[in-house]
């Protein structure tokens, strides 16, 4: 009976000690964290994972068969990335992170991203790069993005041109990397309802 009591006390002690060690280790390594969130991980882009469209309804994103209000429409890009190993990563298992932390990356190998029309749209001819018409929630145009620091793998843009009612945006998106390679994906938006 006495040995069971000792084992139980030891187990409880370990259970209580581990969270304190997590807090202590996060305080000791605070140069790698900002307000409880890890600094952006270093990564390289390796391609385009997908082009998809908002709005998100009924547990899915809009497809080319849908009709969506133009004001709710967003052009979304997801990158494929390869995270680099951190030399400064702590060896203690587990981290006490803020619940609001979103994983961010500093991606240094992207040259630029272009979105080329595959059919005429809003009076623009085939072959037009419309990256200057795609604007992030922060007001930055896709064509202006040259540094990808503290970013997520998902990018969302509002289209800053009004097309004809019920038109579709057919594009090929190009990711250009600094080593000269490029990756591309074709996509067709839902029908855009103006009124």
N, C-alpha and C. Protein backbone atom coordinates (compact mmCIF):
# COMPACT_ATOMS: atom_id res chain seq x y z
N UNK A 1 0.83 -1.20 0.00
CA UNK A 1 0.00 0.00 0.00
C UNK A 1 0.87 1.25 0.00
N UNK A 2 1.98 1.18 0.79
CA UNK A 2 2.87 2.34 0.90
C UNK A 2 3.57 2.62 -0.43
N UNK A 3 3.95 1.56 -1.17
CA UNK A 3 4.62 1.77 -2.46
C UNK A 3 3.67 2.35 -3.50
N UNK A 4 2.39 1.97 -3.45
CA UNK A 4 1.39 2.55 -4.35
C UNK A 4 1.23 4.03 -4.06
N UNK A 5 1.21 4.41 -2.81
CA UNK A 5 1.09 5.82 -2.43
C UNK A 5 2.28 6.63 -2.92
N UNK A 6 3.48 6.06 -2.81
CA UNK A 6 4.69 6.76 -3.28
C UNK A 6 4.65 6.94 -4.80
N UNK A 7 4.20 5.90 -5.52
CA UNK A 7 4.12 5.97 -6.99
C UNK A 7 3.09 7.02 -7.42
N UNK A 8 1.97 7.05 -6.70
CA UNK A 8 0.93 8.03 -7.00
C UNK A 8 1.42 9.45 -6.77
N UNK A 9 2.12 9.66 -5.65
CA UNK A 9 2.67 10.99 -5.34
C UNK A 9 3.71 11.40 -6.40
N UNK A 10 4.54 10.45 -6.82
CA UNK A 10 5.55 10.76 -7.83
C UNK A 10 4.90 11.13 -9.16
N UNK A 11 3.88 10.38 -9.53
CA UNK A 11 3.17 10.66 -10.78
C UNK A 11 2.52 12.04 -10.74
N UNK A 12 1.84 12.36 -9.64
CA UNK A 12 1.21 13.68 -9.50
C UNK A 12 2.25 14.79 -9.50
N UNK A 13 3.39 14.53 -8.88
CA UNK A 13 4.46 15.53 -8.87
C UNK A 13 4.96 15.84 -10.27
N UNK A 14 5.12 14.79 -11.07
CA UNK A 14 5.58 14.98 -12.46
C UNK A 14 4.53 15.73 -13.27
N UNK A 15 3.26 15.37 -13.07
CA UNK A 15 2.17 16.03 -13.80
C UNK A 15 2.13 17.52 -13.47
N UNK A 16 2.36 17.87 -12.23
CA UNK A 16 2.33 19.28 -11.82
C UNK A 16 3.61 20.02 -12.21
N UNK A 17 4.74 19.30 -12.25
CA UNK A 17 6.02 19.93 -12.56
C UNK A 17 6.15 20.28 -14.05
N UNK A 18 5.59 19.44 -14.92
CA UNK A 18 5.76 19.64 -16.36
C UNK A 18 5.23 20.99 -16.85
N UNK A 19 3.99 21.42 -16.48
CA UNK A 19 3.53 22.75 -16.92
C UNK A 19 4.43 23.89 -16.42
N UNK A 20 4.96 23.74 -15.21
CA UNK A 20 5.86 24.78 -14.69
C UNK A 20 7.14 24.83 -15.51
N UNK A 21 7.64 23.67 -15.93
CA UNK A 21 8.84 23.65 -16.78
C UNK A 21 8.55 24.26 -18.15
N UNK A 22 7.35 24.04 -18.69
CA UNK A 22 6.98 24.67 -19.96
C UNK A 22 7.01 26.19 -19.85
N UNK A 23 6.42 26.71 -18.79
CA UNK A 23 6.40 28.17 -18.58
C UNK A 23 7.81 28.69 -18.41
N UNK A 24 8.61 27.99 -17.60
CA UNK A 24 9.99 28.42 -17.37
C UNK A 24 10.79 28.42 -18.67
N UNK A 25 10.63 27.36 -19.48
CA UNK A 25 11.40 27.29 -20.73
C UNK A 25 10.96 28.37 -21.70
N UNK A 26 9.67 28.71 -21.74
CA UNK A 26 9.22 29.76 -22.65
C UNK A 26 9.73 31.11 -22.20
N UNK A 27 9.88 31.31 -20.91
CA UNK A 27 10.46 32.57 -20.41
C UNK A 27 11.94 32.65 -20.73
N UNK A 28 12.64 31.52 -20.60
CA UNK A 28 14.08 31.52 -20.85
C UNK A 28 14.39 31.70 -22.32
N UNK A 29 13.51 31.26 -23.22
CA UNK A 29 13.77 31.35 -24.65
C UNK A 29 12.94 32.45 -25.30
N UNK A 30 12.62 33.51 -24.57
CA UNK A 30 11.70 34.53 -25.10
C UNK A 30 12.25 35.29 -26.28
N UNK A 31 13.55 35.21 -26.57
CA UNK A 31 14.06 35.89 -27.75
C UNK A 31 13.57 35.22 -29.03
N UNK A 32 13.00 34.03 -28.94
CA UNK A 32 12.48 33.33 -30.10
C UNK A 32 10.97 33.46 -30.21
N UNK A 33 10.35 34.27 -29.36
CA UNK A 33 8.90 34.39 -29.31
C UNK A 33 8.50 35.85 -29.20
N UNK A 34 7.35 36.19 -29.77
CA UNK A 34 6.77 37.52 -29.66
C UNK A 34 5.40 37.35 -29.04
N UNK A 35 5.19 37.91 -27.87
CA UNK A 35 3.91 37.85 -27.17
C UNK A 35 3.34 36.43 -27.14
N UNK A 36 4.18 35.46 -26.82
CA UNK A 36 3.73 34.09 -26.69
C UNK A 36 3.67 33.30 -27.98
N UNK A 37 3.91 33.93 -29.12
CA UNK A 37 3.88 33.24 -30.41
C UNK A 37 5.31 33.09 -30.95
N UNK A 38 5.59 31.98 -31.60
CA UNK A 38 6.94 31.81 -32.15
C UNK A 38 7.21 32.80 -33.28
N UNK A 39 8.47 33.15 -33.44
CA UNK A 39 8.87 33.98 -34.57
C UNK A 39 8.58 33.21 -35.87
N UNK A 40 8.44 33.93 -36.99
CA UNK A 40 8.19 33.23 -38.26
C UNK A 40 9.29 32.21 -38.57
N UNK A 41 8.88 31.05 -39.05
CA UNK A 41 9.83 30.02 -39.45
C UNK A 41 10.40 30.36 -40.82
N UNK A 42 11.67 30.07 -41.02
CA UNK A 42 12.29 30.26 -42.33
C UNK A 42 11.80 29.14 -43.24
N UNK A 43 11.42 29.48 -44.47
CA UNK A 43 10.89 28.49 -45.40
C UNK A 43 11.17 28.90 -46.83
N UNK A 44 11.09 27.94 -47.74
CA UNK A 44 11.18 28.18 -49.17
C UNK A 44 9.86 27.76 -49.80
N UNK A 45 9.38 28.54 -50.75
CA UNK A 45 8.21 28.14 -51.54
C UNK A 45 8.66 27.08 -52.53
N UNK A 46 7.84 26.05 -52.69
CA UNK A 46 8.18 24.97 -53.63
C UNK A 46 7.13 24.83 -54.74
N UNK A 47 6.06 25.63 -54.67
CA UNK A 47 5.02 25.56 -55.70
C UNK A 47 3.72 26.16 -55.22
N UNK A 48 2.68 25.98 -56.03
CA UNK A 48 1.34 26.43 -55.70
C UNK A 48 0.51 25.21 -55.30
N UNK A 49 -0.04 25.23 -54.11
CA UNK A 49 -0.86 24.10 -53.66
C UNK A 49 -2.23 24.15 -54.32
N UNK A 50 -2.85 25.34 -54.33
CA UNK A 50 -4.18 25.48 -54.92
C UNK A 50 -4.55 26.95 -55.10
N UNK A 51 -5.47 27.17 -56.03
CA UNK A 51 -6.16 28.44 -56.19
C UNK A 51 -7.61 28.13 -55.85
N UNK A 52 -8.19 28.87 -54.92
CA UNK A 52 -9.57 28.60 -54.54
C UNK A 52 -10.29 29.92 -54.30
N UNK A 53 -11.62 29.86 -54.19
CA UNK A 53 -12.42 31.08 -54.20
C UNK A 53 -13.38 31.15 -53.02
N UNK A 54 -13.47 32.32 -52.45
CA UNK A 54 -14.47 32.60 -51.42
C UNK A 54 -15.67 33.22 -52.13
N UNK A 55 -16.86 33.11 -51.53
CA UNK A 55 -17.12 32.79 -50.13
C UNK A 55 -17.12 31.29 -49.83
N UNK A 56 -16.93 31.00 -48.54
CA UNK A 56 -16.96 29.64 -48.00
C UNK A 56 -18.36 29.41 -47.43
N UNK A 57 -19.11 28.51 -48.03
CA UNK A 57 -20.48 28.24 -47.58
C UNK A 57 -20.74 26.75 -47.61
N UNK A 58 -21.59 26.29 -46.72
CA UNK A 58 -21.97 24.88 -46.65
C UNK A 58 -20.75 23.96 -46.61
N UNK A 59 -19.76 24.33 -45.79
CA UNK A 59 -18.57 23.52 -45.57
C UNK A 59 -17.68 23.37 -46.80
N UNK A 60 -17.78 24.33 -47.76
CA UNK A 60 -16.90 24.25 -48.94
C UNK A 60 -16.70 25.62 -49.55
N UNK A 61 -15.58 25.75 -50.27
CA UNK A 61 -15.32 26.98 -51.02
C UNK A 61 -16.10 26.96 -52.32
N UNK A 62 -16.27 28.13 -52.91
CA UNK A 62 -17.04 28.25 -54.15
C UNK A 62 -16.30 27.58 -55.30
N UNK A 63 -17.08 26.95 -56.18
CA UNK A 63 -16.50 26.28 -57.35
C UNK A 63 -16.93 27.01 -58.62
N UNK A 64 -16.42 26.57 -59.75
CA UNK A 64 -16.73 27.20 -61.04
C UNK A 64 -18.20 27.02 -61.42
N UNK A 65 -18.90 26.10 -60.77
CA UNK A 65 -20.33 25.88 -61.07
C UNK A 65 -21.24 26.79 -60.24
N UNK A 66 -20.68 27.47 -59.24
CA UNK A 66 -21.48 28.33 -58.36
C UNK A 66 -21.66 29.73 -58.92
N UNK A 67 -22.67 30.42 -58.41
CA UNK A 67 -22.86 31.85 -58.66
C UNK A 67 -22.76 32.55 -57.32
N UNK A 68 -21.87 33.55 -57.22
CA UNK A 68 -21.65 34.23 -55.94
C UNK A 68 -21.76 35.74 -56.12
N UNK A 69 -22.18 36.45 -55.08
CA UNK A 69 -22.19 37.92 -55.15
C UNK A 69 -20.76 38.44 -55.31
N UNK A 70 -20.58 39.37 -56.22
CA UNK A 70 -19.24 39.91 -56.48
C UNK A 70 -18.60 40.49 -55.22
N UNK A 71 -19.39 41.14 -54.36
CA UNK A 71 -18.85 41.75 -53.14
C UNK A 71 -18.30 40.72 -52.16
N UNK A 72 -18.75 39.47 -52.26
CA UNK A 72 -18.26 38.41 -51.36
C UNK A 72 -17.12 37.60 -51.97
N UNK A 73 -16.82 37.84 -53.23
CA UNK A 73 -15.83 37.05 -53.95
C UNK A 73 -14.41 37.40 -53.51
N UNK A 74 -13.59 36.36 -53.29
CA UNK A 74 -12.17 36.53 -53.00
C UNK A 74 -11.38 35.50 -53.81
N UNK A 75 -10.24 35.94 -54.32
CA UNK A 75 -9.30 35.10 -55.06
C UNK A 75 -8.24 34.66 -54.06
N UNK A 76 -8.12 33.36 -53.81
CA UNK A 76 -7.24 32.84 -52.76
C UNK A 76 -6.14 31.97 -53.34
N UNK A 77 -4.95 32.12 -52.78
CA UNK A 77 -3.79 31.35 -53.21
C UNK A 77 -3.22 30.62 -51.99
N UNK A 78 -2.91 29.34 -52.18
CA UNK A 78 -2.19 28.60 -51.13
C UNK A 78 -0.85 28.15 -51.70
N UNK A 79 0.22 28.47 -50.99
CA UNK A 79 1.56 28.08 -51.41
C UNK A 79 1.93 26.71 -50.85
N UNK A 80 2.78 25.99 -51.59
CA UNK A 80 3.48 24.83 -51.03
C UNK A 80 4.80 25.36 -50.51
N UNK A 81 5.16 24.96 -49.30
CA UNK A 81 6.43 25.44 -48.75
C UNK A 81 7.21 24.28 -48.14
N UNK A 82 8.49 24.52 -47.97
CA UNK A 82 9.37 23.60 -47.28
C UNK A 82 10.02 24.39 -46.15
N UNK A 83 9.67 24.02 -44.92
CA UNK A 83 10.19 24.74 -43.76
C UNK A 83 11.63 24.32 -43.51
N UNK A 84 12.48 25.32 -43.24
CA UNK A 84 13.89 25.04 -42.93
C UNK A 84 14.01 24.74 -41.44
N UNK A 85 14.98 23.92 -41.09
CA UNK A 85 15.20 23.61 -39.67
C UNK A 85 15.84 24.81 -39.00
N UNK A 86 15.39 25.08 -37.78
CA UNK A 86 15.94 26.20 -37.01
C UNK A 86 17.12 25.70 -36.19
N UNK A 87 18.22 26.41 -36.29
CA UNK A 87 19.39 26.08 -35.48
C UNK A 87 19.16 26.46 -34.02
N UNK A 88 18.25 27.43 -33.79
CA UNK A 88 18.03 27.93 -32.43
C UNK A 88 16.83 27.28 -31.76
N UNK A 89 16.29 26.21 -32.34
CA UNK A 89 15.11 25.57 -31.75
C UNK A 89 15.48 24.96 -30.41
N UNK A 90 14.63 25.16 -29.44
CA UNK A 90 14.89 24.63 -28.10
C UNK A 90 14.75 23.12 -28.09
N UNK A 91 15.40 22.48 -27.12
CA UNK A 91 15.37 21.03 -27.05
C UNK A 91 14.30 20.53 -26.09
N UNK A 92 13.67 21.43 -25.35
CA UNK A 92 12.67 21.01 -24.38
C UNK A 92 11.39 20.61 -25.11
N UNK A 93 10.82 19.45 -24.80
CA UNK A 93 9.62 19.01 -25.53
C UNK A 93 8.40 19.82 -25.16
N UNK A 94 7.75 20.40 -26.16
CA UNK A 94 6.53 21.17 -25.91
C UNK A 94 6.81 22.63 -25.68
N UNK A 95 5.87 23.47 -26.01
CA UNK A 95 5.97 24.91 -25.79
C UNK A 95 4.63 25.40 -25.31
N UNK A 96 4.65 26.38 -24.43
CA UNK A 96 3.41 27.01 -23.97
C UNK A 96 3.15 28.20 -24.89
N UNK A 97 2.27 28.04 -25.88
CA UNK A 97 2.00 29.08 -26.87
C UNK A 97 0.63 29.68 -26.65
N UNK A 98 0.49 30.95 -27.06
CA UNK A 98 -0.82 31.59 -27.00
C UNK A 98 -1.77 30.86 -27.95
N UNK A 99 -3.04 30.75 -27.55
CA UNK A 99 -4.02 30.04 -28.38
C UNK A 99 -4.28 30.75 -29.70
N UNK A 100 -4.01 32.05 -29.76
CA UNK A 100 -4.29 32.82 -30.97
C UNK A 100 -3.14 32.78 -31.98
N UNK A 101 -2.09 32.03 -31.71
CA UNK A 101 -0.93 32.00 -32.61
C UNK A 101 -1.30 31.34 -33.94
N UNK A 102 -0.98 32.01 -35.03
CA UNK A 102 -1.10 31.45 -36.37
C UNK A 102 0.32 31.23 -36.88
N UNK A 103 0.57 30.08 -37.45
CA UNK A 103 1.91 29.76 -37.95
C UNK A 103 2.25 30.71 -39.09
N UNK A 104 3.38 31.40 -38.97
CA UNK A 104 3.83 32.31 -40.02
C UNK A 104 5.22 31.91 -40.49
N UNK A 105 5.57 32.41 -41.67
CA UNK A 105 6.82 32.05 -42.31
C UNK A 105 7.49 33.29 -42.90
N UNK A 106 8.79 33.22 -43.00
CA UNK A 106 9.56 34.18 -43.79
C UNK A 106 10.08 33.40 -44.99
N UNK A 107 9.52 33.72 -46.17
CA UNK A 107 9.83 32.99 -47.40
C UNK A 107 10.70 33.90 -48.26
N UNK A 108 11.93 33.48 -48.49
CA UNK A 108 12.88 34.38 -49.15
C UNK A 108 13.14 34.05 -50.61
N UNK A 109 12.59 32.96 -51.14
CA UNK A 109 12.96 32.57 -52.51
C UNK A 109 11.92 32.93 -53.57
N UNK A 110 10.88 33.71 -53.21
CA UNK A 110 9.87 34.10 -54.20
C UNK A 110 10.30 35.38 -54.89
N UNK A 111 10.25 35.37 -56.21
CA UNK A 111 10.54 36.57 -57.00
C UNK A 111 9.25 37.39 -57.15
N UNK A 112 8.20 36.77 -57.68
CA UNK A 112 6.90 37.42 -57.77
C UNK A 112 5.82 36.42 -58.16
N UNK A 113 4.57 36.88 -58.10
CA UNK A 113 3.41 36.06 -58.46
C UNK A 113 2.61 36.84 -59.50
N UNK A 114 2.26 36.17 -60.59
CA UNK A 114 1.46 36.78 -61.65
C UNK A 114 0.18 35.98 -61.84
N UNK A 115 -0.89 36.69 -62.23
CA UNK A 115 -2.17 36.04 -62.52
C UNK A 115 -2.57 36.48 -63.93
N UNK A 116 -2.49 35.56 -64.88
CA UNK A 116 -2.67 35.88 -66.30
C UNK A 116 -4.05 35.42 -66.77
N UNK A 117 -4.77 36.32 -67.45
CA UNK A 117 -6.10 35.99 -67.98
C UNK A 117 -5.99 34.95 -69.09
N UNK A 118 -6.86 33.93 -69.02
CA UNK A 118 -6.94 32.91 -70.05
C UNK A 118 -8.10 33.15 -71.00
N UNK A 119 -8.95 34.12 -70.66
CA UNK A 119 -10.02 34.59 -71.55
C UNK A 119 -10.29 36.05 -71.19
N UNK A 120 -10.86 36.83 -72.11
CA UNK A 120 -11.14 38.25 -71.81
C UNK A 120 -12.00 38.39 -70.56
N UNK A 121 -11.75 39.47 -69.81
CA UNK A 121 -12.48 39.70 -68.55
C UNK A 121 -12.56 41.21 -68.30
N UNK A 122 -13.76 41.71 -68.10
CA UNK A 122 -13.99 43.12 -67.76
C UNK A 122 -13.29 44.06 -68.74
N UNK A 123 -13.31 43.71 -70.02
CA UNK A 123 -12.69 44.56 -71.04
C UNK A 123 -11.20 44.36 -71.20
N UNK A 124 -10.60 43.47 -70.43
CA UNK A 124 -9.16 43.20 -70.53
C UNK A 124 -8.93 41.98 -71.42
N UNK A 125 -7.89 42.02 -72.28
CA UNK A 125 -7.67 40.91 -73.22
C UNK A 125 -6.97 39.71 -72.58
N UNK A 126 -7.03 38.59 -73.27
CA UNK A 126 -6.28 37.40 -72.88
C UNK A 126 -4.80 37.78 -72.74
N UNK A 127 -4.14 37.21 -71.73
CA UNK A 127 -2.71 37.47 -71.53
C UNK A 127 -2.41 38.61 -70.58
N UNK A 128 -3.44 39.35 -70.14
CA UNK A 128 -3.22 40.45 -69.20
C UNK A 128 -2.88 39.90 -67.82
N UNK A 129 -1.85 40.47 -67.20
CA UNK A 129 -1.51 40.12 -65.82
C UNK A 129 -2.37 40.99 -64.91
N UNK A 130 -3.29 40.38 -64.16
CA UNK A 130 -4.21 41.16 -63.32
C UNK A 130 -3.75 41.21 -61.86
N UNK A 131 -2.47 40.90 -61.59
CA UNK A 131 -1.97 40.95 -60.21
C UNK A 131 -2.13 42.35 -59.61
N UNK A 132 -2.13 43.38 -60.45
CA UNK A 132 -2.31 44.75 -59.94
C UNK A 132 -3.76 45.04 -59.56
N UNK A 133 -4.68 44.15 -59.93
CA UNK A 133 -6.10 44.32 -59.61
C UNK A 133 -6.53 43.45 -58.42
N UNK A 134 -5.61 42.70 -57.85
CA UNK A 134 -5.90 41.84 -56.70
C UNK A 134 -5.30 42.48 -55.46
N UNK A 135 -6.17 42.81 -54.49
CA UNK A 135 -5.74 43.57 -53.32
C UNK A 135 -6.00 42.79 -52.03
N UNK A 136 -5.01 42.76 -51.16
CA UNK A 136 -5.12 42.06 -49.88
C UNK A 136 -5.98 42.87 -48.91
N UNK A 137 -6.41 42.25 -47.80
CA UNK A 137 -7.18 42.99 -46.79
C UNK A 137 -6.40 44.19 -46.21
N UNK A 138 -5.07 44.13 -46.29
CA UNK A 138 -4.24 45.24 -45.80
C UNK A 138 -4.06 46.33 -46.85
N UNK A 139 -4.68 46.17 -48.04
CA UNK A 139 -4.59 47.18 -49.08
C UNK A 139 -3.37 47.05 -49.97
N UNK A 140 -2.67 45.92 -49.92
CA UNK A 140 -1.48 45.72 -50.74
C UNK A 140 -1.86 44.93 -51.99
N UNK A 141 -1.41 45.40 -53.15
CA UNK A 141 -1.68 44.70 -54.41
C UNK A 141 -0.73 43.51 -54.55
N UNK A 142 -1.24 42.43 -55.14
CA UNK A 142 -0.41 41.25 -55.36
C UNK A 142 0.83 41.60 -56.18
N UNK A 143 0.68 42.49 -57.15
CA UNK A 143 1.82 42.89 -58.00
C UNK A 143 2.91 43.61 -57.21
N UNK A 144 2.59 44.16 -56.05
CA UNK A 144 3.56 44.89 -55.23
C UNK A 144 4.30 43.99 -54.24
N UNK A 145 3.82 42.78 -54.06
CA UNK A 145 4.45 41.88 -53.08
C UNK A 145 5.79 41.37 -53.61
N UNK A 146 6.85 41.74 -52.94
CA UNK A 146 8.18 41.27 -53.28
C UNK A 146 8.85 40.61 -52.08
N UNK A 147 8.44 41.00 -50.88
CA UNK A 147 8.97 40.39 -49.66
C UNK A 147 7.86 39.62 -48.98
N UNK A 148 8.14 38.40 -48.64
CA UNK A 148 7.15 37.52 -48.02
C UNK A 148 7.64 37.16 -46.61
N UNK A 149 7.60 38.16 -45.75
CA UNK A 149 8.05 38.01 -44.37
C UNK A 149 6.84 38.00 -43.45
N UNK A 150 6.87 37.12 -42.46
CA UNK A 150 5.76 37.01 -41.50
C UNK A 150 4.43 36.78 -42.22
N UNK A 151 4.42 35.83 -43.15
CA UNK A 151 3.21 35.52 -43.92
C UNK A 151 2.74 34.11 -43.60
N UNK A 152 1.48 33.85 -43.92
CA UNK A 152 0.95 32.50 -43.84
C UNK A 152 1.05 31.89 -45.24
N UNK A 153 0.68 30.63 -45.37
CA UNK A 153 0.73 30.00 -46.70
C UNK A 153 -0.50 30.35 -47.53
N UNK A 154 -1.52 30.96 -46.89
CA UNK A 154 -2.74 31.34 -47.59
C UNK A 154 -2.76 32.85 -47.82
N UNK A 155 -3.14 33.26 -49.03
CA UNK A 155 -3.28 34.68 -49.36
C UNK A 155 -4.68 34.87 -49.95
N UNK A 156 -5.34 35.94 -49.55
CA UNK A 156 -6.70 36.21 -50.03
C UNK A 156 -6.75 37.62 -50.60
N UNK A 157 -7.36 37.76 -51.78
CA UNK A 157 -7.40 39.04 -52.47
C UNK A 157 -8.80 39.37 -52.96
N UNK A 158 -9.12 40.65 -52.88
CA UNK A 158 -10.36 41.18 -53.45
C UNK A 158 -10.04 41.69 -54.85
N UNK A 159 -10.94 41.45 -55.78
CA UNK A 159 -10.77 41.89 -57.16
C UNK A 159 -11.20 43.34 -57.28
N UNK A 160 -10.29 44.22 -57.73
CA UNK A 160 -10.55 45.66 -57.77
C UNK A 160 -10.95 46.15 -59.17
N UNK A 161 -11.76 45.38 -59.84
CA UNK A 161 -12.35 45.79 -61.11
C UNK A 161 -13.74 45.14 -61.17
N UNK A 162 -14.71 45.85 -61.71
CA UNK A 162 -16.07 45.31 -61.78
C UNK A 162 -16.30 44.69 -63.16
N UNK A 163 -16.53 43.39 -63.21
CA UNK A 163 -16.77 42.72 -64.50
C UNK A 163 -18.23 42.82 -64.91
N UNK A 164 -18.54 42.28 -66.06
CA UNK A 164 -19.94 42.18 -66.49
C UNK A 164 -20.65 41.17 -65.60
N UNK A 165 -21.94 41.34 -65.48
CA UNK A 165 -22.75 40.45 -64.65
C UNK A 165 -22.62 39.00 -65.13
N UNK A 166 -22.46 38.09 -64.21
CA UNK A 166 -22.36 36.64 -64.44
C UNK A 166 -21.15 36.24 -65.28
N UNK A 167 -20.07 37.01 -65.20
CA UNK A 167 -18.86 36.58 -65.90
C UNK A 167 -18.00 35.72 -64.98
N UNK A 168 -17.08 34.97 -65.60
CA UNK A 168 -16.16 34.12 -64.86
C UNK A 168 -14.73 34.57 -65.13
N UNK A 169 -13.91 34.41 -64.12
CA UNK A 169 -12.49 34.76 -64.20
C UNK A 169 -11.70 33.47 -64.46
N UNK A 170 -11.14 33.36 -65.68
CA UNK A 170 -10.33 32.19 -66.01
C UNK A 170 -8.88 32.63 -66.09
N UNK A 171 -8.04 32.02 -65.23
CA UNK A 171 -6.67 32.50 -65.10
C UNK A 171 -5.68 31.35 -65.03
N UNK A 172 -4.42 31.71 -65.23
CA UNK A 172 -3.28 30.85 -64.91
C UNK A 172 -2.40 31.66 -63.97
N UNK A 173 -2.20 31.14 -62.77
CA UNK A 173 -1.39 31.83 -61.76
C UNK A 173 0.03 31.26 -61.81
N UNK A 174 1.01 32.16 -61.87
CA UNK A 174 2.42 31.79 -61.93
C UNK A 174 3.13 32.21 -60.65
N UNK A 175 3.89 31.29 -60.09
CA UNK A 175 4.79 31.58 -58.98
C UNK A 175 6.20 31.52 -59.54
N UNK A 176 6.90 32.66 -59.52
CA UNK A 176 8.27 32.75 -60.02
C UNK A 176 9.22 32.74 -58.82
N UNK A 177 10.21 31.85 -58.88
CA UNK A 177 11.19 31.75 -57.81
C UNK A 177 12.51 32.38 -58.23
N UNK A 178 13.30 32.78 -57.25
CA UNK A 178 14.54 33.49 -57.52
C UNK A 178 15.60 32.64 -58.23
N UNK A 179 15.44 31.31 -58.20
CA UNK A 179 16.39 30.45 -58.92
C UNK A 179 16.05 30.33 -60.40
N UNK A 180 15.00 31.05 -60.85
CA UNK A 180 14.60 31.03 -62.25
C UNK A 180 13.49 30.05 -62.56
N UNK A 181 13.13 29.19 -61.63
CA UNK A 181 12.05 28.23 -61.88
C UNK A 181 10.69 28.88 -61.70
N UNK A 182 9.68 28.25 -62.24
CA UNK A 182 8.32 28.77 -62.10
C UNK A 182 7.34 27.61 -61.99
N UNK A 183 6.23 27.90 -61.34
CA UNK A 183 5.16 26.92 -61.14
C UNK A 183 3.86 27.62 -61.51
N UNK A 184 2.89 26.88 -62.04
CA UNK A 184 1.63 27.52 -62.41
C UNK A 184 0.44 26.60 -62.20
N UNK A 185 -0.71 27.23 -62.01
CA UNK A 185 -1.98 26.52 -61.87
C UNK A 185 -3.06 27.29 -62.61
N UNK A 186 -3.92 26.57 -63.32
CA UNK A 186 -5.07 27.20 -63.97
C UNK A 186 -6.27 27.12 -63.03
N UNK A 187 -7.16 28.11 -63.15
CA UNK A 187 -8.36 28.11 -62.31
C UNK A 187 -9.49 28.84 -63.02
N UNK A 188 -10.70 28.48 -62.63
CA UNK A 188 -11.92 29.15 -63.14
C UNK A 188 -12.77 29.51 -61.94
N UNK A 189 -13.09 30.79 -61.84
CA UNK A 189 -13.86 31.29 -60.69
C UNK A 189 -15.32 30.89 -60.82
N UNK A 190 -16.09 31.09 -59.74
CA UNK A 190 -17.54 30.99 -59.86
C UNK A 190 -18.07 32.11 -60.74
N UNK A 191 -19.33 32.04 -61.14
CA UNK A 191 -19.95 33.15 -61.86
C UNK A 191 -20.14 34.28 -60.87
N UNK A 192 -19.80 35.51 -61.30
CA UNK A 192 -19.83 36.66 -60.42
C UNK A 192 -21.09 37.48 -60.67
N UNK A 193 -21.93 37.51 -59.67
CA UNK A 193 -23.21 38.25 -59.78
C UNK A 193 -22.98 39.66 -59.27
N UNK A 194 -23.22 40.64 -60.14
CA UNK A 194 -22.96 42.05 -59.79
C UNK A 194 -24.11 42.65 -59.01
N UNK A 195 -25.35 42.38 -59.40
CA UNK A 195 -26.48 43.02 -58.71
C UNK A 195 -27.39 41.99 -58.07
